[in-house]
Amino acid sequence: MPIVTFESSDGAIKKTVAAPNGGALADLCDDHEAPIPFSCRSASCATCHIEILEGAEALLPPEDEELDVLDAIDAKPPKYRLACCAKLKAGAGTVRVRAQNEY
């Protein structure tokens, strides 16, 4: 089962959660009050821009709308993603992400 650690932009706040069925990072953030800021939740504002510190291979590849926003802010996957779009694969894995904007 994937284990995800979310860190605030300054690294001071950390939240580690299990994701037994994989799924959307945004849902995990909501369910566990993770320190990742959100605004639009539809890949248009980049508020939820995250750096993947570990485990990028445990995430599904980004879709076109996420790639468009990442390109606009000059952030390239697999190191950077949008938490509103990123989804975990089912199965084992460890992912560690850090917010790039203030929480």
PDB file of N, CA and C in Angstrom:
ATOM      1  N   MET A   1       0.844  -1.181   0.000  1.00  0.00           N
ATOM      2  CA  MET A   1       0.000   0.000   0.000  1.00  0.00           C
ATOM      3  C   MET A   1       0.885   1.237   0.000  1.00  0.00           C
ATOM      4  N   PRO A   2       0.556   2.253  -0.814  1.00  0.00           N
ATOM      5  CA  PRO A   2       1.362   3.467  -0.832  1.00  0.00           C
ATOM      6  C   PRO A   2       1.282   4.224   0.504  1.00  0.00           C
ATOM      7  N   ILE A   3       2.407   4.744   0.903  1.00  0.00           N
ATOM      8  CA  ILE A   3       2.509   5.618   2.073  1.00  0.00           C
ATOM      9  C   ILE A   3       2.963   6.971   1.543  1.00  0.00           C
ATOM     10  N   VAL A   4       2.249   8.023   1.945  1.00  0.00           N
ATOM     11  CA  VAL A   4       2.561   9.365   1.440  1.00  0.00           C
ATOM     12  C   VAL A   4       2.878  10.280   2.607  1.00  0.00           C
ATOM     13  N   THR A   5       3.991  11.003   2.497  1.00  0.00           N
ATOM     14  CA  THR A   5       4.319  12.040   3.472  1.00  0.00           C
ATOM     15  C   THR A   5       4.203  13.383   2.775  1.00  0.00           C
ATOM     16  N   PHE A   6       3.369  14.240   3.338  1.00  0.00           N
ATOM     17  CA  PHE A   6       3.163  15.600   2.842  1.00  0.00           C
ATOM     18  C   PHE A   6       3.933  16.546   3.754  1.00  0.00           C
ATOM     19  N   GLU A   7       4.674  17.493   3.169  1.00  0.00           N
ATOM     20  CA  GLU A   7       5.405  18.486   3.942  1.00  0.00           C
ATOM     21  C   GLU A   7       4.982  19.886   3.522  1.00  0.00           C
ATOM     22  N   SER A   8       4.905  20.782   4.498  1.00  0.00           N
ATOM     23  CA  SER A   8       4.634  22.182   4.182  1.00  0.00           C
ATOM     24  C   SER A   8       5.838  22.751   3.435  1.00  0.00           C
ATOM     25  N   SER A   9       5.681  23.923   2.854  1.00  0.00           N
ATOM     26  CA  SER A   9       6.736  24.519   2.039  1.00  0.00           C
ATOM     27  C   SER A   9       8.024  24.745   2.832  1.00  0.00           C
ATOM     28  N   ASP A  10       7.922  25.000   4.131  1.00  0.00           N
ATOM     29  CA  ASP A  10       9.117  25.193   4.953  1.00  0.00           C
ATOM     30  C   ASP A  10       9.571  23.899   5.634  1.00  0.00           C
ATOM     31  N   GLY A  11       8.842  22.802   5.413  1.00  0.00           N
ATOM     32  CA  GLY A  11       9.204  21.509   5.997  1.00  0.00           C
ATOM     33  C   GLY A  11       8.845  21.360   7.457  1.00  0.00           C
ATOM     34  N   ALA A  12       8.241  22.395   8.051  1.00  0.00           N
ATOM     35  CA  ALA A  12       7.937  22.358   9.489  1.00  0.00           C
ATOM     36  C   ALA A  12       6.756  21.458   9.820  1.00  0.00           C
ATOM     37  N   ILE A  13       5.793  21.361   8.916  1.00  0.00           N
ATOM     38  CA  ILE A  13       4.610  20.534   9.150  1.00  0.00           C
ATOM     39  C   ILE A  13       4.690  19.321   8.239  1.00  0.00           C
ATOM     40  N   LYS A  14       4.544  18.136   8.834  1.00  0.00           N
ATOM     41  CA  LYS A  14       4.571  16.894   8.055  1.00  0.00           C
ATOM     42  C   LYS A  14       3.383  16.037   8.454  1.00  0.00           C
ATOM     43  N   LYS A  15       2.837  15.358   7.483  1.00  0.00           N
ATOM     44  CA  LYS A  15       1.706  14.450   7.718  1.00  0.00           C
ATOM     45  C   LYS A  15       1.957  13.220   6.870  1.00  0.00           C
ATOM     46  N   THR A  16       1.993  12.035   7.503  1.00  0.00           N
ATOM     47  CA  THR A  16       2.194  10.776   6.783  1.00  0.00           C
ATOM     48  C   THR A  16       0.913   9.968   6.855  1.00  0.00           C
ATOM     49  N   VAL A  17       0.458   9.503   5.694  1.00  0.00           N
ATOM     50  CA  VAL A  17      -0.804   8.759   5.606  1.00  0.00           C
ATOM     51  C   VAL A  17      -0.647   7.548   4.691  1.00  0.00           C
ATOM     52  N   ALA A  18      -1.471   6.548   4.948  1.00  0.00           N
ATOM     53  CA  ALA A  18      -1.527   5.367   4.085  1.00  0.00           C
ATOM     54  C   ALA A  18      -2.635   5.560   3.060  1.00  0.00           C
ATOM     55  N   ALA A  19      -2.398   5.036   1.873  1.00  0.00           N
ATOM     56  CA  ALA A  19      -3.387   5.106   0.796  1.00  0.00           C
ATOM     57  C   ALA A  19      -3.605   3.689   0.277  1.00  0.00           C
ATOM     58  N   PRO A  20      -4.415   2.884   0.973  1.00  0.00           N
ATOM     59  CA  PRO A  20      -4.535   1.471   0.658  1.00  0.00           C
ATOM     60  C   PRO A  20      -4.919   1.157  -0.785  1.00  0.00           C
ATOM     61  N   ASN A  21      -5.667   2.033  -1.420  1.00  0.00           N
ATOM     62  CA  ASN A  21      -6.114   1.781  -2.788  1.00  0.00           C
ATOM     63  C   ASN A  21      -5.521   2.745  -3.799  1.00  0.00           C
ATOM     64  N   GLY A  22      -4.440   3.427  -3.424  1.00  0.00           N
ATOM     65  CA  GLY A  22      -3.914   4.461  -4.307  1.00  0.00           C
ATOM     66  C   GLY A  22      -4.866   5.642  -4.286  1.00  0.00           C
ATOM     67  N   GLY A  23      -5.061   6.308  -5.417  1.00  0.00           N
ATOM     68  CA  GLY A  23      -6.037   7.383  -5.514  1.00  0.00           C
ATOM     69  C   GLY A  23      -5.424   8.758  -5.631  1.00  0.00           C
ATOM     70  N   ALA A  24      -6.281   9.759  -5.575  1.00  0.00           N
ATOM     71  CA  ALA A  24      -5.895  11.153  -5.795  1.00  0.00           C
ATOM     72  C   ALA A  24      -5.227  11.756  -4.566  1.00  0.00           C
ATOM     73  N   LEU A  25      -4.128  12.468  -4.793  1.00  0.00           N
ATOM     74  CA  LEU A  25      -3.470  13.152  -3.681  1.00  0.00           C
ATOM     75  C   LEU A  25      -4.391  14.194  -3.060  1.00  0.00           C
ATOM     76  N   ALA A  26      -5.204  14.858  -3.866  1.00  0.00           N
ATOM     77  CA  ALA A  26      -6.125  15.871  -3.335  1.00  0.00           C
ATOM     78  C   ALA A  26      -7.075  15.267  -2.304  1.00  0.00           C
ATOM     79  N   ASP A  27      -7.572  14.066  -2.564  1.00  0.00           N
ATOM     80  CA  ASP A  27      -8.470  13.411  -1.608  1.00  0.00           C
ATOM     81  C   ASP A  27      -7.741  13.088  -0.309  1.00  0.00           C
ATOM     82  N   LEU A  28      -6.512  12.620  -0.409  1.00  0.00           N
ATOM     83  CA  LEU A  28      -5.728  12.346   0.802  1.00  0.00           C
ATOM     84  C   LEU A  28      -5.487  13.626   1.588  1.00  0.00           C
ATOM     85  N   CYS A  29      -5.186  14.712   0.886  1.00  0.00           N
ATOM     86  CA  CYS A  29      -4.988  16.001   1.556  1.00  0.00           C
ATOM     87  C   CYS A  29      -6.240  16.410   2.321  1.00  0.00           C
ATOM     88  N   ASP A  30      -7.383  16.284   1.691  1.00  0.00           N
ATOM     89  CA  ASP A  30      -8.649  16.641   2.334  1.00  0.00           C
ATOM     90  C   ASP A  30      -8.943  15.747   3.534  1.00  0.00           C
ATOM     91  N   ASP A  31      -8.788  14.446   3.343  1.00  0.00           N
ATOM     92  CA  ASP A  31      -9.144  13.484   4.389  1.00  0.00           C
ATOM     93  C   ASP A  31      -8.233  13.566   5.608  1.00  0.00           C
ATOM     94  N   HIS A  32      -6.986  14.033   5.413  1.00  0.00           N
ATOM     95  CA  HIS A  32      -6.014  14.004   6.509  1.00  0.00           C
ATOM     96  C   HIS A  32      -5.432  15.373   6.841  1.00  0.00           C
ATOM     97  N   GLU A  33      -6.045  16.433   6.340  1.00  0.00           N
ATOM     98  CA  GLU A  33      -5.599  17.804   6.612  1.00  0.00           C
ATOM     99  C   GLU A  33      -4.103  17.968   6.346  1.00  0.00           C
ATOM    100  N   ALA A  34      -3.662  17.500   5.196  1.00  0.00           N
ATOM    101  CA  ALA A  34      -2.257  17.608   4.811  1.00  0.00           C
ATOM    102  C   ALA A  34      -1.896  19.063   4.513  1.00  0.00           C
ATOM    103  N   PRO A  35      -0.656  19.457   4.757  1.00  0.00           N
ATOM    104  CA  PRO A  35      -0.233  20.859   4.595  1.00  0.00           C
ATOM    105  C   PRO A  35       0.076  21.256   3.148  1.00  0.00           C
ATOM    106  N   ILE A  36      -0.869  21.008   2.265  1.00  0.00           N
ATOM    107  CA  ILE A  36      -0.741  21.391   0.863  1.00  0.00           C
ATOM    108  C   ILE A  36      -1.863  22.383   0.553  1.00  0.00           C
ATOM    109  N   PRO A  37      -1.535  23.592   0.082  1.00  0.00           N
ATOM    110  CA  PRO A  37      -2.585  24.572  -0.218  1.00  0.00           C
ATOM    111  C   PRO A  37      -3.307  24.243  -1.531  1.00  0.00           C
ATOM    112  N   PHE A  38      -4.584  24.560  -1.568  1.00  0.00           N
ATOM    113  CA  PHE A  38      -5.404  24.373  -2.769  1.00  0.00           C
ATOM    114  C   PHE A  38      -6.203  25.643  -3.019  1.00  0.00           C
ATOM    115  N   SER A  39      -6.575  25.849  -4.268  1.00  0.00           N
ATOM    116  CA  SER A  39      -7.469  26.937  -4.626  1.00  0.00           C
ATOM    117  C   SER A  39      -8.487  26.427  -5.631  1.00  0.00           C
ATOM    118  N   CYS A  40      -8.126  26.326  -6.896  1.00  0.00           N
ATOM    119  CA  CYS A  40      -9.099  25.992  -7.938  1.00  0.00           C
ATOM    120  C   CYS A  40      -9.465  24.509  -7.989  1.00  0.00           C
ATOM    121  N   ARG A  41      -8.524  23.627  -7.687  1.00  0.00           N
ATOM    122  CA  ARG A  41      -8.696  22.174  -7.752  1.00  0.00           C
ATOM    123  C   ARG A  41      -9.013  21.669  -9.153  1.00  0.00           C
ATOM    124  N   SER A  42      -8.598  22.419 -10.166  1.00  0.00           N
ATOM    125  CA  SER A  42      -8.904  22.004 -11.538  1.00  0.00           C
ATOM    126  C   SER A  42      -7.747  22.288 -12.508  1.00  0.00           C
ATOM    127  N   ALA A  43      -6.538  22.230 -12.023  1.00  0.00           N
ATOM    128  CA  ALA A  43      -5.353  22.417 -12.868  1.00  0.00           C
ATOM    129  C   ALA A  43      -5.355  23.738 -13.623  1.00  0.00           C
ATOM    130  N   SER A  44      -5.649  24.827 -12.917  1.00  0.00           N
ATOM    131  CA  SER A  44      -5.566  26.111 -13.594  1.00  0.00           C
ATOM    132  C   SER A  44      -4.819  27.177 -12.806  1.00  0.00           C
ATOM    133  N   CYS A  45      -4.555  26.971 -11.520  1.00  0.00           N
ATOM    134  CA  CYS A  45      -3.931  28.044 -10.744  1.00  0.00           C
ATOM    135  C   CYS A  45      -2.535  27.730 -10.211  1.00  0.00           C
ATOM    136  N   ALA A  46      -2.167  26.475 -10.092  1.00  0.00           N
ATOM    137  CA  ALA A  46      -0.861  26.024  -9.591  1.00  0.00           C
ATOM    138  C   ALA A  46      -0.638  26.286  -8.107  1.00  0.00           C
ATOM    139  N   THR A  47      -1.685  26.614  -7.366  1.00  0.00           N
ATOM    140  CA  THR A  47      -1.546  26.792  -5.924  1.00  0.00           C
ATOM    141  C   THR A  47      -1.039  25.513  -5.262  1.00  0.00           C
ATOM    142  N   CYS A  48      -1.470  24.366  -5.751  1.00  0.00           N
ATOM    143  CA  CYS A  48      -1.118  23.075  -5.152  1.00  0.00           C
ATOM    144  C   CYS A  48       0.139  22.458  -5.765  1.00  0.00           C
ATOM    145  N   HIS A  49       0.986  23.287  -6.334  1.00  0.00           N
ATOM    146  CA  HIS A  49       2.254  22.860  -6.932  1.00  0.00           C
ATOM    147  C   HIS A  49       3.105  22.181  -5.852  1.00  0.00           C
ATOM    148  N   ILE A  50       3.561  20.955  -6.130  1.00  0.00           N
ATOM    149  CA  ILE A  50       4.367  20.200  -5.171  1.00  0.00           C
ATOM    150  C   ILE A  50       5.660  19.718  -5.820  1.00  0.00           C
ATOM    151  N   GLU A  51       6.669  19.543  -4.984  1.00  0.00           N
ATOM    152  CA  GLU A  51       7.915  18.916  -5.403  1.00  0.00           C
ATOM    153  C   GLU A  51       7.877  17.470  -4.927  1.00  0.00           C
ATOM    154  N   ILE A  52       8.210  16.545  -5.805  1.00  0.00           N
ATOM    155  CA  ILE A  52       8.262  15.132  -5.444  1.00  0.00           C
ATOM    156  C   ILE A  52       9.670  14.864  -4.932  1.00  0.00           C
ATOM    157  N   LEU A  53       9.804  14.650  -3.636  1.00  0.00           N
ATOM    158  CA  LEU A  53      11.103  14.424  -3.015  1.00  0.00           C
ATOM    159  C   LEU A  53      11.518  12.962  -3.077  1.00  0.00           C
ATOM    160  N   GLU A  54      10.518  12.085  -3.171  1.00  0.00           N
ATOM    161  CA  GLU A  54      10.777  10.642  -3.205  1.00  0.00           C
ATOM    162  C   GLU A  54       9.559   9.943  -3.780  1.00  0.00           C
ATOM    163  N   GLY A  55       9.768   8.923  -4.594  1.00  0.00           N
ATOM    164  CA  GLY A  55       8.691   8.053  -5.025  1.00  0.00           C
ATOM    165  C   GLY A  55       7.884   8.477  -6.236  1.00  0.00           C
ATOM    166  N   ALA A  56       8.443   9.250  -7.132  1.00  0.00           N
ATOM    167  CA  ALA A  56       7.708   9.687  -8.325  1.00  0.00           C
ATOM    168  C   ALA A  56       7.169   8.503  -9.122  1.00  0.00           C
ATOM    169  N   GLU A  57       7.860   7.385  -9.072  1.00  0.00           N
ATOM    170  CA  GLU A  57       7.424   6.197  -9.818  1.00  0.00           C
ATOM    171  C   GLU A  57       6.124   5.600  -9.273  1.00  0.00           C
ATOM    172  N   ALA A  58       5.710   5.992  -8.076  1.00  0.00           N
ATOM    173  CA  ALA A  58       4.464   5.500  -7.494  1.00  0.00           C
ATOM    174  C   ALA A  58       3.254   6.321  -7.932  1.00  0.00           C
ATOM    175  N   LEU A  59       3.483   7.349  -8.746  1.00  0.00           N
ATOM    176  CA  LEU A  59       2.398   8.196  -9.253  1.00  0.00           C
ATOM    177  C   LEU A  59       2.104   7.857 -10.709  1.00  0.00           C
ATOM    178  N   LEU A  60       0.837   7.965 -11.080  1.00  0.00           N
ATOM    179  CA  LEU A  60       0.467   7.822 -12.483  1.00  0.00           C
ATOM    180  C   LEU A  60       1.039   9.000 -13.272  1.00  0.00           C
ATOM    181  N   PRO A  61       1.319   8.828 -14.549  1.00  0.00           N
ATOM    182  CA  PRO A  61       1.849   9.944 -15.348  1.00  0.00           C
ATOM    183  C   PRO A  61       0.855  11.109 -15.412  1.00  0.00           C
ATOM    184  N   PRO A  62       1.372  12.338 -15.528  1.00  0.00           N
ATOM    185  CA  PRO A  62       0.471  13.498 -15.624  1.00  0.00           C
ATOM    186  C   PRO A  62      -0.297  13.511 -16.936  1.00  0.00           C
ATOM    187  N   GLU A  63      -1.514  14.047 -16.871  1.00  0.00           N
ATOM    188  CA  GLU A  63      -2.328  14.205 -18.077  1.00  0.00           C
ATOM    189  C   GLU A  63      -2.063  15.581 -18.684  1.00  0.00           C
ATOM    190  N   ASP A  64      -2.601  15.816 -19.872  1.00  0.00           N
ATOM    191  CA  ASP A  64      -2.296  17.023 -20.641  1.00  0.00           C
ATOM    192  C   ASP A  64      -2.578  18.321 -19.891  1.00  0.00           C
ATOM    193  N   GLU A  65      -3.720  18.435 -19.207  1.00  0.00           N
ATOM    194  CA  GLU A  65      -4.029  19.719 -18.554  1.00  0.00           C
ATOM    195  C   GLU A  65      -3.045  20.014 -17.427  1.00  0.00           C
ATOM    196  N   GLU A  66      -2.612  18.990 -16.691  1.00  0.00           N
ATOM    197  CA  GLU A  66      -1.599  19.200 -15.657  1.00  0.00           C
ATOM    198  C   GLU A  66      -0.271  19.609 -16.302  1.00  0.00           C
ATOM    199  N   LEU A  67       0.105  18.938 -17.391  1.00  0.00           N
ATOM    200  CA  LEU A  67       1.347  19.277 -18.089  1.00  0.00           C
ATOM    201  C   LEU A  67       1.338  20.716 -18.587  1.00  0.00           C
ATOM    202  N   ASP A  68       0.194  21.193 -19.054  1.00  0.00           N
ATOM    203  CA  ASP A  68       0.084  22.572 -19.527  1.00  0.00           C
ATOM    204  C   ASP A  68       0.373  23.572 -18.412  1.00  0.00           C
ATOM    205  N   VAL A  69      -0.198  23.337 -17.228  1.00  0.00           N
ATOM    206  CA  VAL A  69       0.012  24.249 -16.099  1.00  0.00           C
ATOM    207  C   VAL A  69       1.461  24.168 -15.623  1.00  0.00           C
ATOM    208  N   LEU A  70       1.988  22.970 -15.504  1.00  0.00           N
ATOM    209  CA  LEU A  70       3.383  22.815 -15.085  1.00  0.00           C
ATOM    210  C   LEU A  70       4.326  23.511 -16.060  1.00  0.00           C
ATOM    211  N   ASP A  71       4.041  23.404 -17.340  1.00  0.00           N
ATOM    212  CA  ASP A  71       4.857  24.072 -18.347  1.00  0.00           C
ATOM    213  C   ASP A  71       4.791  25.592 -18.176  1.00  0.00           C
ATOM    214  N   ALA A  72       3.622  26.107 -17.872  1.00  0.00           N
ATOM    215  CA  ALA A  72       3.439  27.557 -17.698  1.00  0.00           C
ATOM    216  C   ALA A  72       4.238  28.101 -16.517  1.00  0.00           C
ATOM    217  N   ILE A  73       4.470  27.274 -15.501  1.00  0.00           N
ATOM    218  CA  ILE A  73       5.245  27.726 -14.337  1.00  0.00           C
ATOM    219  C   ILE A  73       6.673  27.183 -14.376  1.00  0.00           C
ATOM    220  N   ASP A  74       7.057  26.620 -15.503  1.00  0.00           N
ATOM    221  CA  ASP A  74       8.399  26.078 -15.727  1.00  0.00           C
ATOM    222  C   ASP A  74       8.780  25.037 -14.665  1.00  0.00           C
ATOM    223  N   ALA A  75       7.864  24.121 -14.425  1.00  0.00           N
ATOM    224  CA  ALA A  75       8.078  23.018 -13.481  1.00  0.00           C
ATOM    225  C   ALA A  75       7.880  21.714 -14.242  1.00  0.00           C
ATOM    226  N   LYS A  76       8.892  20.888 -14.270  1.00  0.00           N
ATOM    227  CA  LYS A  76       8.858  19.675 -15.092  1.00  0.00           C
ATOM    228  C   LYS A  76       8.665  18.422 -14.248  1.00  0.00           C
ATOM    229  N   PRO A  77       7.710  17.573 -14.667  1.00  0.00           N
ATOM    230  CA  PRO A  77       7.609  16.271 -14.024  1.00  0.00           C
ATOM    231  C   PRO A  77       8.820  15.422 -14.440  1.00  0.00           C
ATOM    232  N   PRO A  78       9.229  14.466 -13.703  1.00  0.00           N
ATOM    233  CA  PRO A  78       8.545  13.908 -12.538  1.00  0.00           C
ATOM    234  C   PRO A  78       8.855  14.632 -11.232  1.00  0.00           C
ATOM    235  N   LYS A  79       9.776  15.619 -11.245  1.00  0.00           N
ATOM    236  CA  LYS A  79      10.140  16.293  -9.999  1.00  0.00           C
ATOM    237  C   LYS A  79       9.021  17.178  -9.453  1.00  0.00           C
ATOM    238  N   TYR A  80       8.207  17.748 -10.321  1.00  0.00           N
ATOM    239  CA  TYR A  80       7.124  18.631  -9.885  1.00  0.00           C
ATOM    240  C   TYR A  80       5.793  18.140 -10.421  1.00  0.00           C
ATOM    241  N   ARG A  81       4.757  18.306  -9.628  1.00  0.00           N
ATOM    242  CA  ARG A  81       3.400  17.916 -10.011  1.00  0.00           C
ATOM    243  C   ARG A  81       2.414  18.899  -9.387  1.00  0.00           C
ATOM    244  N   LEU A  82       1.137  18.729  -9.724  1.00  0.00           N
ATOM    245  CA  LEU A  82       0.042  19.455  -9.077  1.00  0.00           C
ATOM    246  C   LEU A  82      -0.709  18.451  -8.221  1.00  0.00           C
ATOM    247  N   ALA A  83      -0.884  18.757  -6.944  1.00  0.00           N
ATOM    248  CA  ALA A  83      -1.569  17.821  -6.045  1.00  0.00           C
ATOM    249  C   ALA A  83      -3.025  17.621  -6.438  1.00  0.00           C
ATOM    250  N   CYS A  84      -3.634  18.598  -7.109  1.00  0.00           N
ATOM    251  CA  CYS A  84      -5.029  18.448  -7.526  1.00  0.00           C
ATOM    252  C   CYS A  84      -5.191  17.410  -8.622  1.00  0.00           C
ATOM    253  N   CYS A  85      -4.110  17.088  -9.321  1.00  0.00           N
ATOM    254  CA  CYS A  85      -4.176  16.162 -10.460  1.00  0.00           C
ATOM    255  C   CYS A  85      -3.472  14.833 -10.207  1.00  0.00           C
ATOM    256  N   ALA A  86      -2.439  14.839  -9.393  1.00  0.00           N
ATOM    257  CA  ALA A  86      -1.601  13.654  -9.213  1.00  0.00           C
ATOM    258  C   ALA A  86      -2.383  12.525  -8.541  1.00  0.00           C
ATOM    259  N   LYS A  87      -2.183  11.331  -9.071  1.00  0.00           N
ATOM    260  CA  LYS A  87      -2.856  10.142  -8.532  1.00  0.00           C
ATOM    261  C   LYS A  87      -1.831   9.049  -8.278  1.00  0.00           C
ATOM    262  N   LEU A  88      -2.020   8.371  -7.151  1.00  0.00           N
ATOM    263  CA  LEU A  88      -1.157   7.257  -6.784  1.00  0.00           C
ATOM    264  C   LEU A  88      -1.567   5.992  -7.501  1.00  0.00           C
ATOM    265  N   LYS A  89      -0.592   5.193  -7.857  1.00  0.00           N
ATOM    266  CA  LYS A  89      -0.871   3.849  -8.355  1.00  0.00           C
ATOM    267  C   LYS A  89      -1.246   2.978  -7.154  1.00  0.00           C
ATOM    268  N   ALA A  90      -2.038   1.961  -7.382  1.00  0.00           N
ATOM    269  CA  ALA A  90      -2.312   0.993  -6.328  1.00  0.00           C
ATOM    270  C   ALA A  90      -1.059   0.147  -6.141  1.00  0.00           C
ATOM    271  N   GLY A  91      -0.877  -0.397  -4.964  1.00  0.00           N
ATOM    272  CA  GLY A  91       0.283  -1.240  -4.700  1.00  0.00           C
ATOM    273  C   GLY A  91       1.261  -0.545  -3.779  1.00  0.00           C
ATOM    274  N   ALA A  92       2.360  -1.233  -3.512  1.00  0.00           N
ATOM    275  CA  ALA A  92       3.355  -0.727  -2.571  1.00  0.00           C
ATOM    276  C   ALA A  92       4.074   0.490  -3.126  1.00  0.00           C
ATOM    277  N   GLY A  93       4.531   1.350  -2.230  1.00  0.00           N
ATOM    278  CA  GLY A  93       5.302   2.510  -2.637  1.00  0.00           C
ATOM    279  C   GLY A  93       5.358   3.536  -1.522  1.00  0.00           C
ATOM    280  N   THR A  94       6.363   4.374  -1.586  1.00  0.00           N
ATOM    281  CA  THR A  94       6.521   5.467  -0.641  1.00  0.00           C
ATOM    282  C   THR A  94       6.695   6.742  -1.443  1.00  0.00           C
ATOM    283  N   VAL A  95       5.936   7.748  -1.086  1.00  0.00           N
ATOM    284  CA  VAL A  95       5.997   9.029  -1.785  1.00  0.00           C
ATOM    285  C   VAL A  95       6.166  10.115  -0.731  1.00  0.00           C
ATOM    286  N   ARG A  96       7.066  11.067  -1.016  1.00  0.00           N
ATOM    287  CA  ARG A  96       7.250  12.211  -0.123  1.00  0.00           C
ATOM    288  C   ARG A  96       7.180  13.461  -0.984  1.00  0.00           C
ATOM    289  N   VAL A  97       6.293  14.375  -0.612  1.00  0.00           N
ATOM    290  CA  VAL A  97       6.096  15.599  -1.388  1.00  0.00           C
ATOM    291  C   VAL A  97       6.189  16.828  -0.488  1.00  0.00           C
ATOM    292  N   ARG A  98       6.608  17.954  -1.085  1.00  0.00           N
ATOM    293  CA  ARG A  98       6.684  19.217  -0.349  1.00  0.00           C
ATOM    294  C   ARG A  98       5.934  20.289  -1.126  1.00  0.00           C
ATOM    295  N   ALA A  99       5.091  21.021  -0.426  1.00  0.00           N
ATOM    296  CA  ALA A  99       4.372  22.147  -1.022  1.00  0.00           C
ATOM    297  C   ALA A  99       5.372  23.187  -1.512  1.00  0.00           C
ATOM    298  N   GLN A 100       5.042  23.810  -2.626  1.00  0.00           N
ATOM    299  CA  GLN A 100       5.887  24.871  -3.173  1.00  0.00           C
ATOM    300  C   GLN A 100       5.299  26.253  -2.917  1.00  0.00           C
ATOM    301  N   ASN A 101       4.102  26.289  -2.356  1.00  0.00           N
ATOM    302  CA  ASN A 101       3.443  27.545  -1.996  1.00  0.00           C
ATOM    303  C   ASN A 101       3.109  27.504  -0.513  1.00  0.00           C
ATOM    304  N   GLU A 102       2.893  28.653   0.074  1.00  0.00           N
ATOM    305  CA  GLU A 102       2.570  28.756   1.503  1.00  0.00           C
ATOM    306  C   GLU A 102       1.257  28.075   1.830  1.00  0.00           C
ATOM    307  N   TYR A 103       1.212  27.381   2.936  1.00  0.00           N
ATOM    308  CA  TYR A 103      -0.002  26.705   3.403  1.00  0.00           C
ATOM    309  C   TYR A 103      -0.831  27.655   4.219  1.00  0.00           C
TER     310      TYR A 103
END
